[in-house]
């Protein structure tokens, strides 16, 4: 029995670390379930979800050339149990996208930054010069 990406297998938790859990698969190989792949919600302490000896259903996410196997418990759940993804915002049909939807390119961002920066510098210079009594020393 070979381990293929996308297959779902039953495995036994053999070790727990602060970054995930090691699961022994039926083939005898061991894979890692990263802490982010344990549950749909944020997992601060993996020990609250798993303990050594637990039998878990895992999905094979990747198999590295070095033999490392990446597993997921949350993606092994049936589709109905998984957290629904955020709905996509509908895009306006036809025409050009609005200014809110259209991202600025680098040049536009830089031009805006330079304009804001110049305005702030001008305001700052005016405020400082009025306190000092004008530009330069008075010559008499």
N, C-alpha and C. Protein backbone atom coordinates (compact mmCIF):
# COMPACT_ATOMS: atom_id res chain seq x y z
N UNK A 1 0.85 -1.19 0.00
CA UNK A 1 0.00 0.00 0.00
C UNK A 1 0.89 1.24 0.00
N UNK A 2 0.80 2.02 -1.06
CA UNK A 2 1.62 3.23 -1.13
C UNK A 2 0.81 4.43 -0.65
N UNK A 3 1.53 5.45 -0.22
CA UNK A 3 0.88 6.65 0.29
C UNK A 3 0.79 7.64 -0.85
N UNK A 4 -0.44 8.02 -1.19
CA UNK A 4 -0.66 8.94 -2.29
C UNK A 4 -1.27 10.24 -1.77
N UNK A 5 -0.88 11.36 -2.37
CA UNK A 5 -1.43 12.65 -1.99
C UNK A 5 -2.93 12.65 -2.24
N UNK A 6 -3.69 13.10 -1.25
CA UNK A 6 -5.14 13.16 -1.37
C UNK A 6 -5.85 11.98 -0.72
N UNK A 7 -5.13 10.92 -0.40
CA UNK A 7 -5.78 9.77 0.20
C UNK A 7 -6.05 10.00 1.68
N UNK A 8 -7.13 9.39 2.18
CA UNK A 8 -7.49 9.49 3.59
C UNK A 8 -7.16 8.17 4.26
N UNK A 9 -6.49 8.27 5.40
CA UNK A 9 -6.04 7.08 6.12
C UNK A 9 -6.33 7.23 7.61
N UNK A 10 -6.37 6.09 8.30
CA UNK A 10 -6.51 6.08 9.75
C UNK A 10 -5.11 5.91 10.32
N UNK A 11 -4.76 6.71 11.31
CA UNK A 11 -3.43 6.61 11.89
C UNK A 11 -3.46 6.79 13.39
N UNK A 12 -2.33 6.47 14.01
CA UNK A 12 -2.22 6.55 15.46
C UNK A 12 -1.21 7.63 15.83
N UNK A 13 -1.59 8.53 16.73
CA UNK A 13 -0.71 9.60 17.20
C UNK A 13 0.41 8.96 18.02
N UNK A 14 1.66 9.15 17.57
CA UNK A 14 2.80 8.55 18.27
C UNK A 14 3.64 9.58 19.02
N UNK A 15 3.46 10.84 18.70
CA UNK A 15 4.23 11.87 19.37
C UNK A 15 3.61 13.23 19.17
N UNK A 16 3.80 14.10 20.17
CA UNK A 16 3.25 15.46 20.11
C UNK A 16 4.37 16.44 20.41
N UNK A 17 4.46 17.48 19.59
CA UNK A 17 5.43 18.56 19.81
C UNK A 17 4.66 19.86 19.87
N UNK A 18 5.35 20.97 20.10
CA UNK A 18 4.66 22.26 20.14
C UNK A 18 4.25 22.73 18.75
N UNK A 19 4.74 22.11 17.69
CA UNK A 19 4.39 22.53 16.32
C UNK A 19 3.49 21.53 15.60
N UNK A 20 3.17 20.40 16.22
CA UNK A 20 2.30 19.44 15.56
C UNK A 20 2.33 18.08 16.21
N UNK A 21 1.78 17.09 15.49
CA UNK A 21 1.71 15.73 16.01
C UNK A 21 2.21 14.75 14.94
N UNK A 22 2.94 13.74 15.40
CA UNK A 22 3.40 12.70 14.50
C UNK A 22 2.40 11.56 14.52
N UNK A 23 2.01 11.11 13.33
CA UNK A 23 1.00 10.08 13.19
C UNK A 23 1.58 8.92 12.40
N UNK A 24 1.46 7.69 12.99
CA UNK A 24 1.92 6.49 12.30
C UNK A 24 0.79 5.98 11.42
N UNK A 25 1.09 5.80 10.14
CA UNK A 25 0.09 5.37 9.17
C UNK A 25 0.07 3.84 9.09
N UNK A 26 -0.97 3.25 8.48
CA UNK A 26 -1.06 1.79 8.38
C UNK A 26 0.14 1.14 7.67
N UNK A 27 0.83 1.89 6.83
CA UNK A 27 1.99 1.35 6.12
C UNK A 27 3.22 1.26 7.00
N UNK A 28 3.15 1.87 8.19
CA UNK A 28 4.30 1.90 9.08
C UNK A 28 5.06 3.21 8.99
N UNK A 29 4.79 4.01 7.96
CA UNK A 29 5.44 5.31 7.81
C UNK A 29 4.83 6.30 8.79
N UNK A 30 5.61 7.31 9.15
CA UNK A 30 5.13 8.34 10.07
C UNK A 30 5.09 9.68 9.34
N UNK A 31 3.99 10.41 9.56
CA UNK A 31 3.82 11.73 8.96
C UNK A 31 3.56 12.76 10.03
N UNK A 32 3.63 14.02 9.65
CA UNK A 32 3.43 15.12 10.59
C UNK A 32 2.15 15.87 10.27
N UNK A 33 1.32 16.06 11.30
CA UNK A 33 0.16 16.93 11.19
C UNK A 33 0.58 18.25 11.84
N UNK A 34 0.77 19.29 11.04
CA UNK A 34 1.16 20.59 11.59
C UNK A 34 0.03 21.11 12.46
N UNK A 35 0.36 21.89 13.47
CA UNK A 35 -0.64 22.41 14.41
C UNK A 35 -1.76 23.17 13.71
N UNK A 36 -1.46 23.80 12.59
CA UNK A 36 -2.48 24.55 11.84
C UNK A 36 -3.45 23.63 11.11
N UNK A 37 -3.12 22.34 11.02
CA UNK A 37 -3.97 21.38 10.31
C UNK A 37 -4.72 20.45 11.26
N UNK A 38 -4.72 20.77 12.57
CA UNK A 38 -5.39 19.92 13.55
C UNK A 38 -6.88 20.20 13.60
N UNK A 39 -7.26 21.49 13.60
CA UNK A 39 -8.67 21.87 13.72
C UNK A 39 -8.95 23.09 12.87
N UNK A 40 -10.24 23.34 12.62
CA UNK A 40 -10.63 24.49 11.81
C UNK A 40 -10.42 25.81 12.52
N UNK A 41 -10.44 25.78 13.84
CA UNK A 41 -10.22 27.02 14.60
C UNK A 41 -8.77 27.08 15.07
N UNK A 42 -8.38 28.21 15.67
CA UNK A 42 -7.01 28.41 16.14
C UNK A 42 -6.68 27.43 17.25
N UNK A 43 -5.53 26.78 17.14
CA UNK A 43 -5.09 25.82 18.14
C UNK A 43 -3.88 26.41 18.85
N UNK A 44 -4.08 26.79 20.12
CA UNK A 44 -2.98 27.33 20.91
C UNK A 44 -2.16 26.21 21.51
N UNK A 45 -2.85 25.21 22.07
CA UNK A 45 -2.17 24.08 22.69
C UNK A 45 -2.68 22.80 22.05
N UNK A 46 -1.84 22.11 21.33
CA UNK A 46 -2.24 20.90 20.61
C UNK A 46 -2.70 19.80 21.57
N UNK A 47 -2.22 19.85 22.82
CA UNK A 47 -2.59 18.84 23.81
C UNK A 47 -4.08 18.91 24.17
N UNK A 48 -4.73 20.02 23.88
CA UNK A 48 -6.17 20.13 24.12
C UNK A 48 -6.97 19.37 23.07
N UNK A 49 -6.33 19.01 21.96
CA UNK A 49 -7.02 18.33 20.86
C UNK A 49 -6.59 16.88 20.68
N UNK A 50 -5.33 16.59 20.95
CA UNK A 50 -4.79 15.26 20.70
C UNK A 50 -3.94 14.78 21.88
N UNK A 51 -3.83 13.45 21.98
CA UNK A 51 -2.89 12.87 22.93
C UNK A 51 -2.29 11.62 22.29
N UNK A 52 -1.14 11.23 22.76
CA UNK A 52 -0.45 10.06 22.22
C UNK A 52 -1.36 8.84 22.38
N UNK A 53 -1.50 8.08 21.30
CA UNK A 53 -2.34 6.88 21.30
C UNK A 53 -3.68 7.09 20.63
N UNK A 54 -4.08 8.35 20.40
CA UNK A 54 -5.34 8.62 19.72
C UNK A 54 -5.31 8.08 18.30
N UNK A 55 -6.45 7.55 17.85
CA UNK A 55 -6.60 7.14 16.46
C UNK A 55 -7.29 8.29 15.74
N UNK A 56 -6.71 8.74 14.66
CA UNK A 56 -7.24 9.88 13.93
C UNK A 56 -7.30 9.58 12.44
N UNK A 57 -8.27 10.21 11.77
CA UNK A 57 -8.33 10.11 10.32
C UNK A 57 -7.56 11.29 9.75
N UNK A 58 -6.65 11.03 8.84
CA UNK A 58 -5.82 12.08 8.25
C UNK A 58 -5.90 12.02 6.73
N UNK A 59 -5.62 13.16 6.13
CA UNK A 59 -5.54 13.23 4.67
C UNK A 59 -4.09 13.55 4.32
N UNK A 60 -3.55 12.85 3.35
CA UNK A 60 -2.17 13.07 2.93
C UNK A 60 -2.14 14.33 2.07
N UNK A 61 -1.41 15.35 2.53
CA UNK A 61 -1.33 16.62 1.83
C UNK A 61 -0.14 16.67 0.88
N UNK A 62 0.99 16.11 1.30
CA UNK A 62 2.16 16.08 0.43
C UNK A 62 3.12 15.00 0.90
N UNK A 63 3.90 14.53 -0.06
CA UNK A 63 4.96 13.56 0.22
C UNK A 63 6.22 14.13 -0.39
N UNK A 64 7.17 14.47 0.47
CA UNK A 64 8.41 15.08 0.00
C UNK A 64 9.35 14.06 -0.60
N UNK A 65 10.30 14.53 -1.39
CA UNK A 65 11.30 13.64 -1.99
C UNK A 65 12.19 13.02 -0.93
N UNK A 66 12.28 13.69 0.22
CA UNK A 66 13.08 13.17 1.32
C UNK A 66 12.30 12.18 2.19
N UNK A 67 11.05 11.89 1.80
CA UNK A 67 10.24 10.92 2.53
C UNK A 67 9.34 11.53 3.59
N UNK A 68 9.41 12.84 3.78
CA UNK A 68 8.56 13.48 4.78
C UNK A 68 7.12 13.53 4.26
N UNK A 69 6.18 13.21 5.15
CA UNK A 69 4.77 13.16 4.78
C UNK A 69 4.01 14.22 5.55
N UNK A 70 3.34 15.11 4.82
CA UNK A 70 2.52 16.16 5.43
C UNK A 70 1.08 15.69 5.51
N UNK A 71 0.49 15.78 6.69
CA UNK A 71 -0.87 15.29 6.91
C UNK A 71 -1.78 16.39 7.42
N UNK A 72 -3.09 16.18 7.28
CA UNK A 72 -4.07 17.13 7.80
C UNK A 72 -5.23 16.37 8.40
N UNK A 73 -5.60 16.75 9.62
CA UNK A 73 -6.78 16.16 10.25
C UNK A 73 -8.02 16.95 9.82
N UNK A 74 -7.90 18.27 9.77
CA UNK A 74 -9.07 19.09 9.45
C UNK A 74 -9.56 18.89 8.02
N UNK A 75 -8.66 18.59 7.10
CA UNK A 75 -9.09 18.38 5.71
C UNK A 75 -9.56 16.95 5.47
N UNK A 76 -9.39 16.07 6.47
CA UNK A 76 -9.87 14.70 6.34
C UNK A 76 -11.34 14.59 6.72
N UNK A 77 -11.88 15.62 7.36
CA UNK A 77 -13.29 15.61 7.76
C UNK A 77 -14.17 15.65 6.52
N UNK A 78 -15.36 15.09 6.61
CA UNK A 78 -16.31 15.21 5.49
C UNK A 78 -16.61 16.68 5.21
N UNK A 79 -16.95 17.00 3.98
CA UNK A 79 -17.17 18.39 3.56
C UNK A 79 -18.20 19.10 4.43
N UNK A 80 -19.24 18.40 4.89
CA UNK A 80 -20.30 19.03 5.68
C UNK A 80 -19.78 19.53 7.02
N UNK A 81 -18.76 18.88 7.57
CA UNK A 81 -18.22 19.28 8.88
C UNK A 81 -17.24 20.42 8.78
N UNK A 82 -16.61 20.59 7.64
CA UNK A 82 -15.61 21.64 7.50
C UNK A 82 -16.26 23.00 7.56
N UNK A 83 -15.51 23.97 8.09
CA UNK A 83 -16.01 25.34 8.20
C UNK A 83 -16.23 25.89 6.80
N UNK A 84 -17.39 26.49 6.56
CA UNK A 84 -17.62 27.06 5.23
C UNK A 84 -16.68 28.22 4.98
N UNK A 85 -16.24 28.34 3.74
CA UNK A 85 -15.36 29.44 3.40
C UNK A 85 -16.17 30.70 3.22
N UNK A 86 -15.50 31.85 3.35
CA UNK A 86 -16.18 33.12 3.20
C UNK A 86 -16.75 33.24 1.80
N UNK A 87 -17.96 33.77 1.70
CA UNK A 87 -18.52 33.95 0.35
C UNK A 87 -17.76 35.05 -0.38
N UNK A 88 -17.62 34.87 -1.67
CA UNK A 88 -16.93 35.86 -2.49
C UNK A 88 -17.84 37.04 -2.71
N UNK A 89 -17.25 38.26 -2.68
CA UNK A 89 -18.05 39.45 -2.97
C UNK A 89 -18.37 39.46 -4.45
N UNK A 90 -19.62 39.76 -4.79
CA UNK A 90 -19.94 39.82 -6.22
C UNK A 90 -19.24 41.00 -6.87
N UNK A 91 -18.69 40.77 -8.02
CA UNK A 91 -18.03 41.82 -8.79
C UNK A 91 -19.06 42.51 -9.65
N UNK A 92 -18.90 43.82 -9.81
CA UNK A 92 -19.80 44.57 -10.68
C UNK A 92 -19.62 44.10 -12.13
N UNK A 93 -20.69 43.95 -12.84
CA UNK A 93 -20.61 43.47 -14.22
C UNK A 93 -20.23 44.58 -15.18
N UNK A 94 -19.66 44.21 -16.33
CA UNK A 94 -19.33 45.16 -17.37
C UNK A 94 -18.32 46.19 -16.92
N UNK A 95 -18.23 47.31 -17.60
CA UNK A 95 -17.44 48.49 -17.25
C UNK A 95 -16.15 48.26 -16.49
N UNK A 96 -15.54 49.38 -16.11
CA UNK A 96 -14.30 49.32 -15.35
C UNK A 96 -14.60 49.13 -13.87
N UNK A 97 -13.68 48.50 -13.14
CA UNK A 97 -13.89 48.36 -11.70
C UNK A 97 -13.80 49.72 -11.02
N UNK A 98 -14.49 49.86 -9.90
CA UNK A 98 -14.47 51.12 -9.18
C UNK A 98 -13.09 51.34 -8.57
N UNK A 99 -12.85 52.55 -8.07
CA UNK A 99 -11.56 52.89 -7.47
C UNK A 99 -11.29 52.04 -6.25
N UNK A 100 -12.32 51.60 -5.55
CA UNK A 100 -12.14 50.78 -4.36
C UNK A 100 -11.60 49.40 -4.75
N UNK A 101 -12.11 48.83 -5.83
CA UNK A 101 -11.70 47.49 -6.24
C UNK A 101 -10.38 47.49 -7.00
N UNK A 102 -10.02 48.61 -7.63
CA UNK A 102 -8.83 48.65 -8.47
C UNK A 102 -7.62 48.98 -7.60
N UNK A 103 -6.67 48.07 -7.49
CA UNK A 103 -5.49 48.36 -6.66
C UNK A 103 -4.58 49.37 -7.35
N UNK A 104 -3.90 50.17 -6.52
CA UNK A 104 -2.97 51.16 -7.06
C UNK A 104 -1.68 50.46 -7.46
N UNK A 105 -1.06 50.93 -8.53
CA UNK A 105 0.24 50.37 -8.88
C UNK A 105 1.31 51.13 -8.09
N UNK A 106 2.54 50.73 -8.21
CA UNK A 106 3.62 51.30 -7.42
C UNK A 106 3.78 52.80 -7.68
N UNK A 107 3.73 53.18 -8.97
CA UNK A 107 3.93 54.58 -9.31
C UNK A 107 2.84 55.46 -8.69
N UNK A 108 1.59 54.99 -8.71
CA UNK A 108 0.50 55.76 -8.12
C UNK A 108 0.69 55.89 -6.61
N UNK A 109 1.08 54.81 -5.97
CA UNK A 109 1.31 54.86 -4.53
C UNK A 109 2.45 55.81 -4.19
N UNK A 110 3.52 55.75 -4.98
CA UNK A 110 4.68 56.61 -4.73
C UNK A 110 4.32 58.08 -4.95
N UNK A 111 3.56 58.39 -5.99
CA UNK A 111 3.16 59.76 -6.27
C UNK A 111 2.29 60.29 -5.12
N UNK A 112 1.38 59.47 -4.64
CA UNK A 112 0.51 59.86 -3.53
C UNK A 112 1.35 60.10 -2.27
N UNK A 113 2.30 59.20 -2.01
CA UNK A 113 3.17 59.35 -0.84
C UNK A 113 3.97 60.64 -0.92
N UNK A 114 4.56 60.90 -2.09
CA UNK A 114 5.39 62.11 -2.26
C UNK A 114 4.54 63.37 -2.06
N UNK A 115 3.33 63.39 -2.61
CA UNK A 115 2.45 64.55 -2.46
C UNK A 115 2.13 64.78 -0.98
N UNK A 116 1.73 63.70 -0.28
CA UNK A 116 1.42 63.81 1.15
C UNK A 116 2.64 64.27 1.94
N UNK A 117 3.80 63.73 1.59
CA UNK A 117 5.03 64.07 2.29
C UNK A 117 5.38 65.54 2.10
N UNK A 118 5.27 66.03 0.87
CA UNK A 118 5.56 67.44 0.59
C UNK A 118 4.61 68.36 1.35
N UNK A 119 3.34 67.99 1.39
CA UNK A 119 2.36 68.81 2.12
C UNK A 119 2.70 68.86 3.60
N UNK A 120 3.08 67.74 4.16
CA UNK A 120 3.42 67.69 5.58
C UNK A 120 4.69 68.50 5.86
N UNK A 121 5.67 68.39 5.00
CA UNK A 121 6.91 69.16 5.18
C UNK A 121 6.63 70.65 5.09
N UNK A 122 5.81 71.06 4.15
CA UNK A 122 5.48 72.48 4.00
C UNK A 122 4.79 72.99 5.25
N UNK A 123 3.83 72.23 5.74
CA UNK A 123 3.12 72.63 6.96
C UNK A 123 4.08 72.71 8.14
N UNK A 124 4.97 71.77 8.25
CA UNK A 124 5.94 71.76 9.35
C UNK A 124 6.89 72.94 9.26
N UNK A 125 7.37 73.26 8.03
CA UNK A 125 8.28 74.40 7.85
C UNK A 125 7.59 75.70 8.21
N UNK A 126 6.35 75.86 7.81
CA UNK A 126 5.62 77.09 8.13
C UNK A 126 5.49 77.26 9.64
N UNK A 127 5.16 76.17 10.31
CA UNK A 127 4.97 76.24 11.77
C UNK A 127 6.29 76.56 12.46
N UNK A 128 7.39 75.99 12.00
CA UNK A 128 8.69 76.23 12.65
C UNK A 128 9.22 77.62 12.35
N UNK A 129 9.06 78.07 11.12
CA UNK A 129 9.58 79.40 10.76
C UNK A 129 8.86 80.51 11.49
N UNK A 130 7.58 80.35 11.71
CA UNK A 130 6.85 81.40 12.42
C UNK A 130 7.31 81.50 13.86
N UNK A 131 7.71 80.40 14.46
CA UNK A 131 8.20 80.41 15.83
C UNK A 131 9.58 81.01 15.93
N UNK A 132 10.38 80.86 14.90
CA UNK A 132 11.75 81.36 14.90
C UNK A 132 11.83 82.82 14.46
N UNK A 133 10.77 83.29 13.89
CA UNK A 133 10.78 84.67 13.43
C UNK A 133 11.20 84.82 11.98
N UNK A 134 10.92 83.85 11.17
CA UNK A 134 11.23 83.98 9.75
C UNK A 134 12.49 83.27 9.34
N UNK A 135 12.81 83.41 8.06
CA UNK A 135 13.98 82.71 7.52
C UNK A 135 15.25 83.48 7.76
N UNK A 136 16.29 82.75 8.04
CA UNK A 136 17.63 83.33 8.13
C UNK A 136 17.78 84.39 9.22
N UNK A 137 18.99 84.84 9.38
CA UNK A 137 19.29 85.88 10.38
C UNK A 137 19.00 87.25 9.79
N UNK A 138 18.64 88.19 10.64
CA UNK A 138 18.38 89.56 10.15
C UNK A 138 19.70 90.29 10.02
N UNK A 139 19.82 90.97 8.95
CA UNK A 139 21.07 91.71 8.73
C UNK A 139 20.77 93.20 8.86
N UNK A 140 21.56 93.85 9.52
CA UNK A 140 21.26 95.22 9.81
C UNK A 140 22.14 96.21 9.30
